[in-house]
Amino acid sequence: MTPDDFPNRVLLYGFEGGAVYTAERDSRFYVIQDESAMAGILDEEDRAGLEFVKIQEFATLAERDA
């Protein structure tokens, strides 16, 4: 999954190099941490092995909010 899979995502907060979003899809709840803007300033060697987008899935809104 990518952030684009969540067109109705809501910006929780932004920071230099990325943002954190919340989203809902198919009765599941998500937190999306997108630091892909950082990828643009690193060369290919430095990007190797790094994960710039992390998507966490939760069964309930209460779990996500915790």
C-alpha atoms as a PDB file:
ATOM      1  CA  MET A   1       0.000   0.000   0.000  1.00  0.00           C
ATOM      2  CA  THR A   2       1.043   3.573  -0.621  1.00  0.00           C
ATOM      3  CA  PRO A   3      -0.327   6.909   0.641  1.00  0.00           C
ATOM      4  CA  ASP A   4      -2.060   7.305  -2.742  1.00  0.00           C
ATOM      5  CA  ASP A   5      -4.219   4.291  -1.832  1.00  0.00           C
ATOM      6  CA  PHE A   6      -5.867   6.597   0.736  1.00  0.00           C
ATOM      7  CA  PRO A   7      -7.230   9.565  -1.246  1.00  0.00           C
ATOM      8  CA  ASN A   8      -9.286  10.736   1.754  1.00  0.00           C
ATOM      9  CA  ARG A   9      -6.368  10.714   4.195  1.00  0.00           C
ATOM     10  CA  VAL A  10      -6.272  13.551   6.705  1.00  0.00           C
ATOM     11  CA  LEU A  11      -3.089  15.402   7.601  1.00  0.00           C
ATOM     12  CA  LEU A  12      -2.356  14.922  11.292  1.00  0.00           C
ATOM     13  CA  TYR A  13       0.866  16.946  11.234  1.00  0.00           C
ATOM     14  CA  GLY A  14       3.566  17.926   8.816  1.00  0.00           C
ATOM     15  CA  PHE A  15       7.274  18.311   9.351  1.00  0.00           C
ATOM     16  CA  GLU A  16      10.342  19.021   7.284  1.00  0.00           C
ATOM     17  CA  GLY A  17      10.716  16.054   4.982  1.00  0.00           C
ATOM     18  CA  GLY A  18       7.323  14.485   5.471  1.00  0.00           C
ATOM     19  CA  ALA A  19       3.969  14.200   7.148  1.00  0.00           C
ATOM     20  CA  VAL A  20       1.773  11.926   9.236  1.00  0.00           C
ATOM     21  CA  TYR A  21      -1.773  11.175   8.118  1.00  0.00           C
ATOM     22  CA  THR A  22      -4.765   9.290   9.464  1.00  0.00           C
ATOM     23  CA  ALA A  23      -7.091   7.374   7.177  1.00  0.00           C
ATOM     24  CA  GLU A  24      -9.975   4.927   7.088  1.00  0.00           C
ATOM     25  CA  ARG A  25     -10.626   2.261   4.477  1.00  0.00           C
ATOM     26  CA  ASP A  26     -12.796  -0.874   4.430  1.00  0.00           C
ATOM     27  CA  SER A  27     -13.693  -0.513   8.131  1.00  0.00           C
ATOM     28  CA  ARG A  28      -9.999  -0.408   9.099  1.00  0.00           C
ATOM     29  CA  PHE A  29      -8.070   2.538  10.544  1.00  0.00           C
ATOM     30  CA  TYR A  30      -4.589   3.670   9.520  1.00  0.00           C
ATOM     31  CA  VAL A  31      -1.696   5.916  10.457  1.00  0.00           C
ATOM     32  CA  ILE A  32       0.537   6.782   7.507  1.00  0.00           C
ATOM     33  CA  GLN A  33       4.009   8.158   8.138  1.00  0.00           C
ATOM     34  CA  ASP A  34       5.346   9.512   4.840  1.00  0.00           C
ATOM     35  CA  GLU A  35       8.950  10.709   4.805  1.00  0.00           C
ATOM     36  CA  SER A  36       9.379  10.244   1.058  1.00  0.00           C
ATOM     37  CA  ALA A  37      10.385  13.888   0.611  1.00  0.00           C
ATOM     38  CA  MET A  38      13.660  12.900   2.277  1.00  0.00           C
ATOM     39  CA  ALA A  39      14.322  10.394  -0.504  1.00  0.00           C
ATOM     40  CA  GLY A  40      14.753  13.248  -2.956  1.00  0.00           C
ATOM     41  CA  ILE A  41      17.778  14.660  -1.149  1.00  0.00           C
ATOM     42  CA  LEU A  42      19.597  11.344  -0.693  1.00  0.00           C
ATOM     43  CA  ASP A  43      21.578   9.573  -3.350  1.00  0.00           C
ATOM     44  CA  GLU A  44      20.712   6.011  -4.335  1.00  0.00           C
ATOM     45  CA  GLU A  45      23.364   4.483  -2.091  1.00  0.00           C
ATOM     46  CA  ASP A  46      22.071   6.341   0.974  1.00  0.00           C
ATOM     47  CA  ARG A  47      18.449   5.369   0.167  1.00  0.00           C
ATOM     48  CA  ALA A  48      19.272   1.657   0.033  1.00  0.00           C
ATOM     49  CA  GLY A  49      17.510  -0.245   2.780  1.00  0.00           C
ATOM     50  CA  LEU A  50      15.572   2.748   4.106  1.00  0.00           C
ATOM     51  CA  GLU A  51      11.788   2.735   4.409  1.00  0.00           C
ATOM     52  CA  PHE A  52      10.307   6.154   3.703  1.00  0.00           C
ATOM     53  CA  VAL A  53       6.621   5.268   4.023  1.00  0.00           C
ATOM     54  CA  LYS A  54       5.196   3.313   6.953  1.00  0.00           C
ATOM     55  CA  ILE A  55       1.532   2.364   7.131  1.00  0.00           C
ATOM     56  CA  GLN A  56       0.122   1.012  10.369  1.00  0.00           C
ATOM     57  CA  GLU A  57      -3.283  -0.694  10.360  1.00  0.00           C
ATOM     58  CA  PHE A  58      -5.659  -0.853  13.326  1.00  0.00           C
ATOM     59  CA  ALA A  59      -8.916  -2.765  13.848  1.00  0.00           C
ATOM     60  CA  THR A  60     -10.651   0.044  15.730  1.00  0.00           C
ATOM     61  CA  LEU A  61     -10.548   3.799  15.950  1.00  0.00           C
ATOM     62  CA  ALA A  62      -9.734   3.539  19.668  1.00  0.00           C
ATOM     63  CA  GLU A  63      -6.660   1.388  18.904  1.00  0.00           C
ATOM     64  CA  ARG A  64      -5.445   3.892  16.304  1.00  0.00           C
ATOM     65  CA  ASP A  65      -5.991   6.841  18.615  1.00  0.00           C
ATOM     66  CA  ALA A  66      -4.071   5.139  21.425  1.00  0.00           C
END
